[in-house]
Amino acid sequence: MDVRKTVLLVSILALVACNTAQGVKKDVAIGAEKAGEVLHKGGEAVGEALNKTGEVVGGAIKKGGEAVQKVVD
């Protein structure tokens, strides 16, 4: 192989490697974005569950307080 063919081959391989690296970066960015969306939705679901649990516990405490108040009265 002469020098021109070698340089051409190395140049082509370098170009392919750069394009592949850019594609991997894009794939990683897309994956990170989707993971962030899933985590956000999960966080919202947990927050809603905690709010509902807090309401239930608050209601139970209120009823308990009312029952104690009736006994005291």
PDB file of N, CA and C in Angstrom:
ATOM      1  N   MET A   1       0.841  -1.176   0.000  1.00  0.00           N
ATOM      2  CA  MET A   1       0.000   0.000   0.000  1.00  0.00           C
ATOM      3  C   MET A   1       0.884   1.237   0.000  1.00  0.00           C
ATOM      4  N   ASP A   2       0.529   2.167  -0.825  1.00  0.00           N
ATOM      5  CA  ASP A   2       1.343   3.377  -0.840  1.00  0.00           C
ATOM      6  C   ASP A   2       0.862   4.360   0.224  1.00  0.00           C
ATOM      7  N   VAL A   3       1.584   5.437   0.379  1.00  0.00           N
ATOM      8  CA  VAL A   3       1.339   6.397   1.444  1.00  0.00           C
ATOM      9  C   VAL A   3      -0.023   7.071   1.281  1.00  0.00           C
ATOM     10  N   ARG A   4      -0.429   7.383   0.048  1.00  0.00           N
ATOM     11  CA  ARG A   4      -1.719   8.052  -0.173  1.00  0.00           C
ATOM     12  C   ARG A   4      -2.882   7.181   0.277  1.00  0.00           C
ATOM     13  N   LYS A   5      -2.829   5.916  -0.061  1.00  0.00           N
ATOM     14  CA  LYS A   5      -3.908   5.014   0.343  1.00  0.00           C
ATOM     15  C   LYS A   5      -3.955   4.863   1.864  1.00  0.00           C
ATOM     16  N   THR A   6      -2.796   4.810   2.472  1.00  0.00           N
ATOM     17  CA  THR A   6      -2.735   4.690   3.929  1.00  0.00           C
ATOM     18  C   THR A   6      -3.317   5.928   4.595  1.00  0.00           C
ATOM     19  N   VAL A   7      -2.937   7.102   4.101  1.00  0.00           N
ATOM     20  CA  VAL A   7      -3.454   8.356   4.663  1.00  0.00           C
ATOM     21  C   VAL A   7      -4.967   8.433   4.452  1.00  0.00           C
ATOM     22  N   LEU A   8      -5.442   8.046   3.281  1.00  0.00           N
ATOM     23  CA  LEU A   8      -6.867   8.062   2.978  1.00  0.00           C
ATOM     24  C   LEU A   8      -7.614   7.097   3.907  1.00  0.00           C
ATOM     25  N   LEU A   9      -7.086   5.911   4.085  1.00  0.00           N
ATOM     26  CA  LEU A   9      -7.716   4.927   4.956  1.00  0.00           C
ATOM     27  C   LEU A   9      -7.770   5.427   6.401  1.00  0.00           C
ATOM     28  N   VAL A  10      -6.687   5.982   6.903  1.00  0.00           N
ATOM     29  CA  VAL A  10      -6.646   6.507   8.260  1.00  0.00           C
ATOM     30  C   VAL A  10      -7.629   7.668   8.409  1.00  0.00           C
ATOM     31  N   SER A  11      -7.723   8.519   7.403  1.00  0.00           N
ATOM     32  CA  SER A  11      -8.655   9.652   7.442  1.00  0.00           C
ATOM     33  C   SER A  11     -10.101   9.168   7.498  1.00  0.00           C
ATOM     34  N   ILE A  12     -10.420   8.177   6.683  1.00  0.00           N
ATOM     35  CA  ILE A  12     -11.773   7.625   6.668  1.00  0.00           C
ATOM     36  C   ILE A  12     -12.093   6.991   8.019  1.00  0.00           C
ATOM     37  N   LEU A  13     -11.181   6.225   8.571  1.00  0.00           N
ATOM     38  CA  LEU A  13     -11.399   5.606   9.877  1.00  0.00           C
ATOM     39  C   LEU A  13     -11.581   6.654  10.975  1.00  0.00           C
ATOM     40  N   ALA A  14     -10.810   7.737  10.911  1.00  0.00           N
ATOM     41  CA  ALA A  14     -10.944   8.808  11.898  1.00  0.00           C
ATOM     42  C   ALA A  14     -12.303   9.474  11.777  1.00  0.00           C
ATOM     43  N   LEU A  15     -12.761   9.696  10.562  1.00  0.00           N
ATOM     44  CA  LEU A  15     -14.068  10.317  10.341  1.00  0.00           C
ATOM     45  C   LEU A  15     -15.186   9.425  10.868  1.00  0.00           C
ATOM     46  N   VAL A  16     -15.095   8.136  10.589  1.00  0.00           N
ATOM     47  CA  VAL A  16     -16.103   7.190  11.084  1.00  0.00           C
ATOM     48  C   VAL A  16     -16.092   7.160  12.610  1.00  0.00           C
ATOM     49  N   ALA A  17     -14.918   7.170  13.206  1.00  0.00           N
ATOM     50  CA  ALA A  17     -14.803   7.149  14.666  1.00  0.00           C
ATOM     51  C   ALA A  17     -15.427   8.405  15.271  1.00  0.00           C
ATOM     52  N   CYS A  18     -15.211   9.558  14.650  1.00  0.00           N
ATOM     53  CA  CYS A  18     -15.805  10.805  15.162  1.00  0.00           C
ATOM     54  C   CYS A  18     -17.323  10.757  15.067  1.00  0.00           C
ATOM     55  N   ASN A  19     -17.836  10.292  13.945  1.00  0.00           N
ATOM     56  CA  ASN A  19     -19.291  10.192  13.783  1.00  0.00           C
ATOM     57  C   ASN A  19     -19.881   9.211  14.780  1.00  0.00           C
ATOM     58  N   THR A  20     -19.197   8.112  15.019  1.00  0.00           N
ATOM     59  CA  THR A  20     -19.671   7.126  15.982  1.00  0.00           C
ATOM     60  C   THR A  20     -19.678   7.729  17.384  1.00  0.00           C
ATOM     61  N   ALA A  21     -18.638   8.457  17.740  1.00  0.00           N
ATOM     62  CA  ALA A  21     -18.565   9.089  19.058  1.00  0.00           C
ATOM     63  C   ALA A  21     -19.682  10.112  19.225  1.00  0.00           C
ATOM     64  N   GLN A  22     -19.968  10.876  18.173  1.00  0.00           N
ATOM     65  CA  GLN A  22     -21.061  11.854  18.247  1.00  0.00           C
ATOM     66  C   GLN A  22     -22.399  11.144  18.404  1.00  0.00           C
ATOM     67  N   GLY A  23     -22.573  10.035  17.712  1.00  0.00           N
ATOM     68  CA  GLY A  23     -23.810   9.264  17.836  1.00  0.00           C
ATOM     69  C   GLY A  23     -23.986   8.718  19.241  1.00  0.00           C
ATOM     70  N   VAL A  24     -22.897   8.253  19.827  1.00  0.00           N
ATOM     71  CA  VAL A  24     -22.954   7.729  21.195  1.00  0.00           C
ATOM     72  C   VAL A  24     -23.306   8.851  22.161  1.00  0.00           C
ATOM     73  N   LYS A  25     -22.723  10.031  21.964  1.00  0.00           N
ATOM     74  CA  LYS A  25     -23.032  11.172  22.832  1.00  0.00           C
ATOM     75  C   LYS A  25     -24.512  11.522  22.740  1.00  0.00           C
ATOM     76  N   LYS A  26     -25.053  11.508  21.521  1.00  0.00           N
ATOM     77  CA  LYS A  26     -26.478  11.811  21.345  1.00  0.00           C
ATOM     78  C   LYS A  26     -27.337  10.756  22.032  1.00  0.00           C
ATOM     79  N   ASP A  27     -26.971   9.479  21.870  1.00  0.00           N
ATOM     80  CA  ASP A  27     -27.730   8.398  22.511  1.00  0.00           C
ATOM     81  C   ASP A  27     -27.694   8.531  24.030  1.00  0.00           C
ATOM     82  N   VAL A  28     -26.549   8.874  24.568  1.00  0.00           N
ATOM     83  CA  VAL A  28     -26.421   9.045  26.017  1.00  0.00           C
ATOM     84  C   VAL A  28     -27.274  10.218  26.481  1.00  0.00           C
ATOM     85  N   ALA A  29     -27.262  11.304  25.712  1.00  0.00           N
ATOM     86  CA  ALA A  29     -28.065  12.475  26.081  1.00  0.00           C
ATOM     87  C   ALA A  29     -29.552  12.141  26.056  1.00  0.00           C
ATOM     88  N   ILE A  30     -29.986  11.408  25.052  1.00  0.00           N
ATOM     89  CA  ILE A  30     -31.399  11.011  24.957  1.00  0.00           C
ATOM     90  C   ILE A  30     -31.757  10.097  26.127  1.00  0.00           C
ATOM     91  N   GLY A  31     -30.892   9.146  26.429  1.00  0.00           N
ATOM     92  CA  GLY A  31     -31.136   8.238  27.550  1.00  0.00           C
ATOM     93  C   GLY A  31     -31.207   8.985  28.869  1.00  0.00           C
ATOM     94  N   ALA A  32     -30.318   9.950  29.066  1.00  0.00           N
ATOM     95  CA  ALA A  32     -30.324  10.732  30.305  1.00  0.00           C
ATOM     96  C   ALA A  32     -31.601  11.557  30.409  1.00  0.00           C
ATOM     97  N   GLU A  33     -32.049  12.105  29.287  1.00  0.00           N
ATOM     98  CA  GLU A  33     -33.282  12.893  29.294  1.00  0.00           C
ATOM     99  C   GLU A  33     -34.488  12.034  29.666  1.00  0.00           C
ATOM    100  N   LYS A  34     -34.553  10.847  29.082  1.00  0.00           N
ATOM    101  CA  LYS A  34     -35.670   9.956  29.383  1.00  0.00           C
ATOM    102  C   LYS A  34     -35.613   9.488  30.833  1.00  0.00           C
ATOM    103  N   ALA A  35     -34.426   9.206  31.332  1.00  0.00           N
ATOM    104  CA  ALA A  35     -34.288   8.799  32.733  1.00  0.00           C
ATOM    105  C   ALA A  35     -34.725   9.934  33.657  1.00  0.00           C
ATOM    106  N   GLY A  36     -34.378  11.160  33.297  1.00  0.00           N
ATOM    107  CA  GLY A  36     -34.803  12.307  34.086  1.00  0.00           C
ATOM    108  C   GLY A  36     -36.314  12.452  34.114  1.00  0.00           C
ATOM    109  N   GLU A  37     -36.955  12.225  32.964  1.00  0.00           N
ATOM    110  CA  GLU A  37     -38.417  12.303  32.904  1.00  0.00           C
ATOM    111  C   GLU A  37     -39.058  11.240  33.801  1.00  0.00           C
ATOM    112  N   VAL A  38     -38.515  10.031  33.751  1.00  0.00           N
ATOM    113  CA  VAL A  38     -39.054   8.940  34.572  1.00  0.00           C
ATOM    114  C   VAL A  38     -38.881   9.251  36.052  1.00  0.00           C
ATOM    115  N   LEU A  39     -37.713   9.763  36.428  1.00  0.00           N
ATOM    116  CA  LEU A  39     -37.476  10.122  37.828  1.00  0.00           C
ATOM    117  C   LEU A  39     -38.412  11.238  38.273  1.00  0.00           C
ATOM    118  N   HIS A  40     -38.648  12.198  37.385  1.00  0.00           N
ATOM    119  CA  HIS A  40     -39.556  13.299  37.714  1.00  0.00           C
ATOM    120  C   HIS A  40     -40.971  12.781  37.954  1.00  0.00           C
ATOM    121  N   LYS A  41     -41.439  11.919  37.058  1.00  0.00           N
ATOM    122  CA  LYS A  41     -42.784  11.349  37.217  1.00  0.00           C
ATOM    123  C   LYS A  41     -42.869  10.506  38.486  1.00  0.00           C
ATOM    124  N   GLY A  42     -41.828   9.760  38.775  1.00  0.00           N
ATOM    125  CA  GLY A  42     -41.788   8.961  40.002  1.00  0.00           C
ATOM    126  C   GLY A  42     -41.829   9.840  41.232  1.00  0.00           C
ATOM    127  N   GLY A  43     -41.100  10.943  41.192  1.00  0.00           N
ATOM    128  CA  GLY A  43     -41.111  11.883  42.304  1.00  0.00           C
ATOM    129  C   GLY A  43     -42.490  12.488  42.518  1.00  0.00           C
ATOM    130  N   GLU A  44     -43.163  12.814  41.429  1.00  0.00           N
ATOM    131  CA  GLU A  44     -44.522  13.354  41.548  1.00  0.00           C
ATOM    132  C   GLU A  44     -45.461  12.320  42.168  1.00  0.00           C
ATOM    133  N   ALA A  45     -45.337  11.071  41.735  1.00  0.00           N
ATOM    134  CA  ALA A  45     -46.198  10.012  42.275  1.00  0.00           C
ATOM    135  C   ALA A  45     -45.958   9.820  43.761  1.00  0.00           C
ATOM    136  N   VAL A  46     -44.698   9.834  44.168  1.00  0.00           N
ATOM    137  CA  VAL A  46     -44.371   9.684  45.588  1.00  0.00           C
ATOM    138  C   VAL A  46     -44.915  10.871  46.379  1.00  0.00           C
ATOM    139  N   GLY A  47     -44.777  12.065  45.820  1.00  0.00           N
ATOM    140  CA  GLY A  47     -45.294  13.252  46.491  1.00  0.00           C
ATOM    141  C   GLY A  47     -46.799  13.185  46.688  1.00  0.00           C
ATOM    142  N   GLU A  48     -47.511  12.759  45.652  1.00  0.00           N
ATOM    143  CA  GLU A  48     -48.968  12.626  45.758  1.00  0.00           C
ATOM    144  C   GLU A  48     -49.348  11.573  46.804  1.00  0.00           C
ATOM    145  N   ALA A  49     -48.617  10.454  46.807  1.00  0.00           N
ATOM    146  CA  ALA A  49     -48.895   9.398  47.786  1.00  0.00           C
ATOM    147  C   ALA A  49     -48.663   9.906  49.210  1.00  0.00           C
ATOM    148  N   LEU A  50     -47.599  10.662  49.401  1.00  0.00           N
ATOM    149  CA  LEU A  50     -47.317  11.203  50.736  1.00  0.00           C
ATOM    150  C   LEU A  50     -48.398  12.198  51.164  1.00  0.00           C
ATOM    151  N   ASN A  51     -48.865  13.007  50.208  1.00  0.00           N
ATOM    152  CA  ASN A  51     -49.936  13.952  50.540  1.00  0.00           C
ATOM    153  C   ASN A  51     -51.199  13.206  50.973  1.00  0.00           C
ATOM    154  N   LYS A  52     -51.542  12.169  50.228  1.00  0.00           N
ATOM    155  CA  LYS A  52     -52.741  11.391  50.573  1.00  0.00           C
ATOM    156  C   LYS A  52     -52.571  10.707  51.922  1.00  0.00           C
ATOM    157  N   THR A  53     -51.395  10.161  52.161  1.00  0.00           N
ATOM    158  CA  THR A  53     -51.124   9.513  53.448  1.00  0.00           C
ATOM    159  C   THR A  53     -51.220  10.531  54.576  1.00  0.00           C
ATOM    160  N   GLY A  54     -50.675  11.708  54.352  1.00  0.00           N
ATOM    161  CA  GLY A  54     -50.749  12.761  55.362  1.00  0.00           C
ATOM    162  C   GLY A  54     -52.185  13.160  55.657  1.00  0.00           C
ATOM    163  N   GLU A  55     -53.007  13.228  54.618  1.00  0.00           N
ATOM    164  CA  GLU A  55     -54.418  13.565  54.822  1.00  0.00           C
ATOM    165  C   GLU A  55     -55.120  12.491  55.642  1.00  0.00           C
ATOM    166  N   VAL A  56     -54.835  11.221  55.336  1.00  0.00           N
ATOM    167  CA  VAL A  56     -55.462  10.114  56.063  1.00  0.00           C
ATOM    168  C   VAL A  56     -55.034  10.139  57.524  1.00  0.00           C
ATOM    169  N   VAL A  57     -53.742  10.301  57.768  1.00  0.00           N
ATOM    170  CA  VAL A  57     -53.237  10.329  59.141  1.00  0.00           C
ATOM    171  C   VAL A  57     -53.802  11.539  59.873  1.00  0.00           C
ATOM    172  N   GLY A  58     -53.845  12.671  59.211  1.00  0.00           N
ATOM    173  CA  GLY A  58     -54.410  13.869  59.827  1.00  0.00           C
ATOM    174  C   GLY A  58     -55.870  13.683  60.188  1.00  0.00           C
ATOM    175  N   GLY A  59     -56.628  13.059  59.290  1.00  0.00           N
ATOM    176  CA  GLY A  59     -58.040  12.783  59.570  1.00  0.00           C
ATOM    177  C   GLY A  59     -58.210  11.852  60.748  1.00  0.00           C
ATOM    178  N   ALA A  60     -57.357  10.831  60.833  1.00  0.00           N
ATOM    179  CA  ALA A  60     -57.445   9.880  61.949  1.00  0.00           C
ATOM    180  C   ALA A  60     -57.118  10.567  63.267  1.00  0.00           C
ATOM    181  N   ILE A  61     -56.113  11.423  63.258  1.00  0.00           N
ATOM    182  CA  ILE A  61     -55.748  12.143  64.483  1.00  0.00           C
ATOM    183  C   ILE A  61     -56.884  13.084  64.896  1.00  0.00           C
ATOM    184  N   LYS A  62     -57.476  13.734  63.905  1.00  0.00           N
ATOM    185  CA  LYS A  62     -58.593  14.637  64.196  1.00  0.00           C
ATOM    186  C   LYS A  62     -59.753  13.876  64.832  1.00  0.00           C
ATOM    187  N   LYS A  63     -60.095  12.721  64.262  1.00  0.00           N
ATOM    188  CA  LYS A  63     -61.187  11.911  64.819  1.00  0.00           C
ATOM    189  C   LYS A  63     -60.845  11.432  66.220  1.00  0.00           C
ATOM    190  N   GLY A  64     -59.589  11.044  66.425  1.00  0.00           N
ATOM    191  CA  GLY A  64     -59.156  10.625  67.760  1.00  0.00           C
ATOM    192  C   GLY A  64     -59.275  11.764  68.752  1.00  0.00           C
ATOM    193  N   GLY A  65     -58.886  12.955  68.330  1.00  0.00           N
ATOM    194  CA  GLY A  65     -59.009  14.121  69.195  1.00  0.00           C
ATOM    195  C   GLY A  65     -60.456  14.442  69.511  1.00  0.00           C
ATOM    196  N   GLU A  66     -61.329  14.308  68.532  1.00  0.00           N
ATOM    197  CA  GLU A  66     -62.747  14.549  68.761  1.00  0.00           C
ATOM    198  C   GLU A  66     -63.322  13.517  69.746  1.00  0.00           C
ATOM    199  N   ALA A  67     -62.892  12.269  69.605  1.00  0.00           N
ATOM    200  CA  ALA A  67     -63.379  11.221  70.522  1.00  0.00           C
ATOM    201  C   ALA A  67     -62.921  11.497  71.945  1.00  0.00           C
ATOM    202  N   VAL A  68     -61.671  11.902  72.105  1.00  0.00           N
ATOM    203  CA  VAL A  68     -61.156  12.223  73.432  1.00  0.00           C
ATOM    204  C   VAL A  68     -61.913  13.417  74.008  1.00  0.00           C
ATOM    205  N   GLN A  69     -62.188  14.405  73.175  1.00  0.00           N
ATOM    206  CA  GLN A  69     -62.900  15.587  73.631  1.00  0.00           C
ATOM    207  C   GLN A  69     -64.308  15.237  74.119  1.00  0.00           C
ATOM    208  N   LYS A  70     -64.976  14.302  73.407  1.00  0.00           N
ATOM    209  CA  LYS A  70     -66.310  13.863  73.819  1.00  0.00           C
ATOM    210  C   LYS A  70     -66.256  13.182  75.180  1.00  0.00           C
ATOM    211  N   VAL A  71     -65.218  12.375  75.404  1.00  0.00           N
ATOM    212  CA  VAL A  71     -65.082  11.684  76.687  1.00  0.00           C
ATOM    213  C   VAL A  71     -64.829  12.706  77.794  1.00  0.00           C
ATOM    214  N   VAL A  72     -64.032  13.705  77.506  1.00  0.00           N
ATOM    215  CA  VAL A  72     -63.705  14.720  78.504  1.00  0.00           C
ATOM    216  C   VAL A  72     -64.942  15.558  78.838  1.00  0.00           C
ATOM    217  N   ASP A  73     -65.739  15.873  77.819  1.00  0.00           N
ATOM    218  CA  ASP A  73     -66.934  16.691  78.033  1.00  0.00           C
ATOM    219  C   ASP A  73     -67.943  15.854  78.764  1.00  0.00           C
TER     220      ASP A  73
END
